[in-house]
Amino acid sequence: MGEEAQNALLKILEEPPEYVRFVLTVPVSSSLLTTILSRAAVYSLGQQLSDSLNEKHGIACQKAAAVADALVSPNEFDLMRETGAFEKDGELITPVLGELRLIFRDAVAKKQNPAAAELSSAGAQAAMLARSCTTAQLVALMETVAQLEKAAAQNANKSLLITRFCSLMRKALNK
């Protein structure tokens, strides 16, 4: 949930109806605004994300932004270069796909409303995709990510998955 959405939620949290109870779940409580945390009972259901997981997430966000840039590049090699990182670190593809899904969702939202709130950490790439792609292409990219996430969850061969990744992404963009 972005800051704008949290601020909108804050209003109802301040004066909820008697019969309503909210259960908010987040991987890290620091992702919520302090004003929301001050109106909630916080329960930890496990360990906080370790520094290595936070670092891995940051790398995945950076790689997803680079892949998004490569998608609109006229040079096909750019996309292949960016996906080469998945050969070295096969576990990176799943979080990158998750972040790409958010970037494509943001691009669709920005296509409809340039002031739309962002879910991804790559607002510039989402805005660039919104300018460069049609809504149909962006939806095709989201569907492609869903296919690839399913294949990754089924432990598909990493080399074949990377090749399929490049092929399907380019196909979604009619390239």
Protein backbone atom coordinates (compact mmCIF):
# COMPACT_ATOMS: atom_id res chain seq x y z
CA MET A 1 0.00 0.00 0.00
CA GLY A 2 1.42 3.35 -1.00
CA GLU A 3 1.46 6.42 1.23
CA GLU A 4 -1.66 7.91 -0.39
CA ALA A 5 -3.64 4.71 0.16
CA GLN A 6 -2.46 4.50 3.76
CA ASN A 7 -3.55 8.09 4.37
CA ALA A 8 -6.97 7.26 2.91
CA LEU A 9 -7.21 4.21 5.20
CA LEU A 10 -6.21 6.34 8.17
CA LYS A 11 -9.50 8.23 8.07
CA ILE A 12 -11.60 5.11 8.64
CA LEU A 13 -9.11 3.74 11.18
CA GLU A 14 -9.61 6.87 13.27
CA GLU A 15 -13.40 6.44 13.46
CA PRO A 16 -14.34 2.88 12.48
CA PRO A 17 -17.89 1.59 12.75
CA GLU A 18 -18.48 -0.44 15.94
CA TYR A 19 -18.91 -3.71 14.08
CA VAL A 20 -15.69 -3.44 12.01
CA ARG A 21 -12.28 -4.88 12.86
CA PHE A 22 -9.29 -4.43 10.57
CA VAL A 23 -6.48 -6.93 10.22
CA LEU A 24 -3.51 -5.48 8.37
CA THR A 25 -0.69 -7.80 7.40
CA VAL A 26 2.70 -6.60 6.23
CA PRO A 27 6.05 -8.32 5.94
CA VAL A 28 7.73 -5.49 7.87
CA SER A 29 5.87 -3.12 10.18
CA SER A 30 8.08 -0.23 9.06
CA SER A 31 6.27 -0.33 5.72
CA LEU A 32 3.26 1.29 7.43
CA LEU A 33 3.01 4.96 8.31
CA THR A 34 3.65 5.73 11.96
CA THR A 35 0.18 7.30 12.17
CA ILE A 36 -1.35 3.93 11.23
CA LEU A 37 0.93 2.01 13.60
CA SER A 38 -0.10 4.32 16.45
CA ARG A 39 -3.75 3.29 15.95
CA ALA A 40 -3.08 -0.44 15.74
CA ALA A 41 -2.07 -3.31 17.95
CA VAL A 42 1.06 -4.77 16.38
CA TYR A 43 1.76 -8.50 16.62
CA SER A 44 4.86 -10.09 15.19
CA LEU A 45 4.09 -13.47 13.65
CA GLY A 46 7.68 -14.27 12.83
CA GLN A 47 11.08 -12.80 12.34
CA GLN A 48 11.65 -9.54 10.56
CA LEU A 49 13.23 -9.79 7.14
CA SER A 50 16.91 -10.34 7.51
CA ASP A 51 19.37 -7.88 6.05
CA SER A 52 20.26 -10.39 3.32
CA LEU A 53 16.58 -10.69 2.29
CA ASN A 54 16.23 -6.91 2.25
CA GLU A 55 19.36 -6.72 0.10
CA LYS A 56 18.00 -9.43 -2.24
CA HIS A 57 14.74 -7.47 -2.57
CA GLY A 58 16.67 -4.31 -3.41
CA ILE A 59 18.66 -6.15 -6.08
CA ALA A 60 15.43 -7.59 -7.52
CA CYS A 61 13.88 -4.11 -7.71
CA GLN A 62 16.95 -2.73 -9.49
CA LYS A 63 17.03 -5.66 -11.92
CA ALA A 64 13.28 -5.33 -12.65
CA ALA A 65 13.77 -1.63 -13.45
CA ALA A 66 16.67 -2.51 -15.76
CA VAL A 67 14.57 -5.19 -17.49
CA ALA A 68 11.73 -2.67 -17.95
CA ASP A 69 14.20 -0.24 -19.56
CA ALA A 70 15.51 -3.02 -21.82
CA LEU A 71 12.00 -3.94 -22.96
CA VAL A 72 11.57 -0.65 -24.79
CA SER A 73 15.11 -0.59 -26.12
CA PRO A 74 15.36 -1.12 -29.88
CA ASN A 75 18.40 -3.33 -29.27
CA GLU A 76 17.30 -6.89 -28.46
CA PHE A 77 20.66 -7.57 -26.82
CA ASP A 78 19.77 -5.22 -23.93
CA LEU A 79 17.04 -7.57 -22.70
CA MET A 80 19.27 -10.61 -23.09
CA ARG A 81 22.06 -8.87 -21.14
CA GLU A 82 19.73 -7.98 -18.27
CA THR A 83 18.28 -11.48 -18.01
CA GLY A 84 21.79 -12.95 -17.96
CA ALA A 85 21.87 -12.22 -14.23
CA PHE A 86 19.30 -15.00 -13.77
CA GLU A 87 21.88 -17.55 -14.97
CA LYS A 88 24.18 -16.55 -12.12
CA ASP A 89 21.44 -16.32 -9.50
CA GLY A 90 18.46 -18.51 -10.38
CA GLU A 91 16.56 -17.44 -7.25
CA LEU A 92 16.50 -13.84 -8.51
CA ILE A 93 13.97 -14.47 -11.28
CA THR A 94 10.95 -14.94 -8.98
CA PRO A 95 11.27 -11.63 -7.08
CA VAL A 96 12.09 -9.82 -10.33
CA LEU A 97 8.92 -11.17 -11.92
CA GLY A 98 6.92 -9.99 -8.89
CA GLU A 99 8.37 -6.50 -9.19
CA LEU A 100 7.82 -6.47 -12.96
CA ARG A 101 4.16 -7.32 -12.35
CA LEU A 102 3.92 -4.19 -10.18
CA ILE A 103 5.76 -2.05 -12.74
CA PHE A 104 3.41 -3.19 -15.53
CA ARG A 105 0.38 -2.61 -13.28
CA ASP A 106 1.67 0.90 -12.53
CA ALA A 107 2.17 1.53 -16.26
CA VAL A 108 -1.44 0.53 -17.00
CA ALA A 109 -2.66 2.78 -14.18
CA LYS A 110 -0.52 5.69 -15.44
CA LYS A 111 -1.88 5.15 -18.94
CA GLN A 112 -5.35 5.84 -17.55
CA ASN A 113 -4.34 8.47 -14.98
CA PRO A 114 -0.80 9.94 -14.97
CA ALA A 115 -1.20 10.82 -11.28
CA ALA A 116 -2.06 7.24 -10.24
CA ALA A 117 -0.40 5.92 -7.09
CA GLU A 118 2.50 3.54 -7.63
CA LEU A 119 2.95 0.07 -6.17
CA SER A 120 6.40 -0.60 -7.62
CA SER A 121 9.71 0.99 -6.76
CA ALA A 122 10.27 1.94 -10.41
CA GLY A 123 7.93 4.82 -11.11
CA ALA A 124 10.13 6.23 -13.87
CA GLN A 125 10.10 2.93 -15.74
CA ALA A 126 6.33 2.60 -15.30
CA ALA A 127 5.83 6.09 -16.73
CA MET A 128 8.17 5.29 -19.63
CA LEU A 129 6.28 2.06 -20.39
CA ALA A 130 2.97 3.95 -20.21
CA ARG A 131 4.26 6.36 -22.86
CA SER A 132 5.89 3.69 -25.04
CA CYS A 133 3.34 0.87 -24.99
CA THR A 134 -0.34 0.45 -25.70
CA THR A 135 -2.68 -0.73 -22.97
CA ALA A 136 -3.03 -4.05 -24.80
CA GLN A 137 0.75 -4.51 -24.80
CA LEU A 138 0.96 -3.74 -21.07
CA VAL A 139 -1.80 -6.23 -20.31
CA ALA A 140 0.03 -8.81 -22.47
CA LEU A 141 3.18 -8.14 -20.45
CA MET A 142 1.27 -8.74 -17.20
CA GLU A 143 -0.14 -12.00 -18.57
CA THR A 144 3.35 -13.02 -19.65
CA VAL A 145 4.67 -12.41 -16.15
CA ALA A 146 1.88 -14.62 -14.75
CA GLN A 147 2.89 -17.43 -17.14
CA LEU A 148 6.54 -17.07 -16.20
CA GLU A 149 5.79 -17.00 -12.47
CA LYS A 150 3.84 -20.22 -12.84
CA ALA A 151 6.72 -21.86 -14.72
CA ALA A 152 9.23 -20.65 -12.12
CA ALA A 153 7.04 -22.04 -9.32
CA GLN A 154 7.07 -25.41 -11.10
CA ASN A 155 10.90 -25.35 -11.05
CA ALA A 156 11.26 -25.00 -14.81
CA ASN A 157 14.76 -25.34 -16.22
CA LYS A 158 16.38 -21.94 -15.58
CA SER A 159 18.09 -21.66 -18.98
CA LEU A 160 14.86 -22.47 -20.80
CA LEU A 161 12.90 -20.14 -18.52
CA ILE A 162 15.26 -17.25 -19.29
CA THR A 163 14.99 -17.91 -23.03
CA ARG A 164 11.21 -18.09 -22.72
CA PHE A 165 11.26 -14.89 -20.66
CA CYS A 166 12.99 -12.96 -23.45
CA SER A 167 10.86 -14.51 -26.17
CA LEU A 168 7.49 -13.94 -24.50
CA MET A 169 8.31 -10.39 -23.40
CA ARG A 170 9.33 -9.41 -26.92
CA LYS A 171 6.25 -11.15 -28.34
CA ALA A 172 3.98 -9.24 -25.93
CA LEU A 173 5.45 -6.03 -27.34
CA ASN A 174 5.02 -7.22 -30.94
CA LYS A 175 8.78 -7.12 -31.54
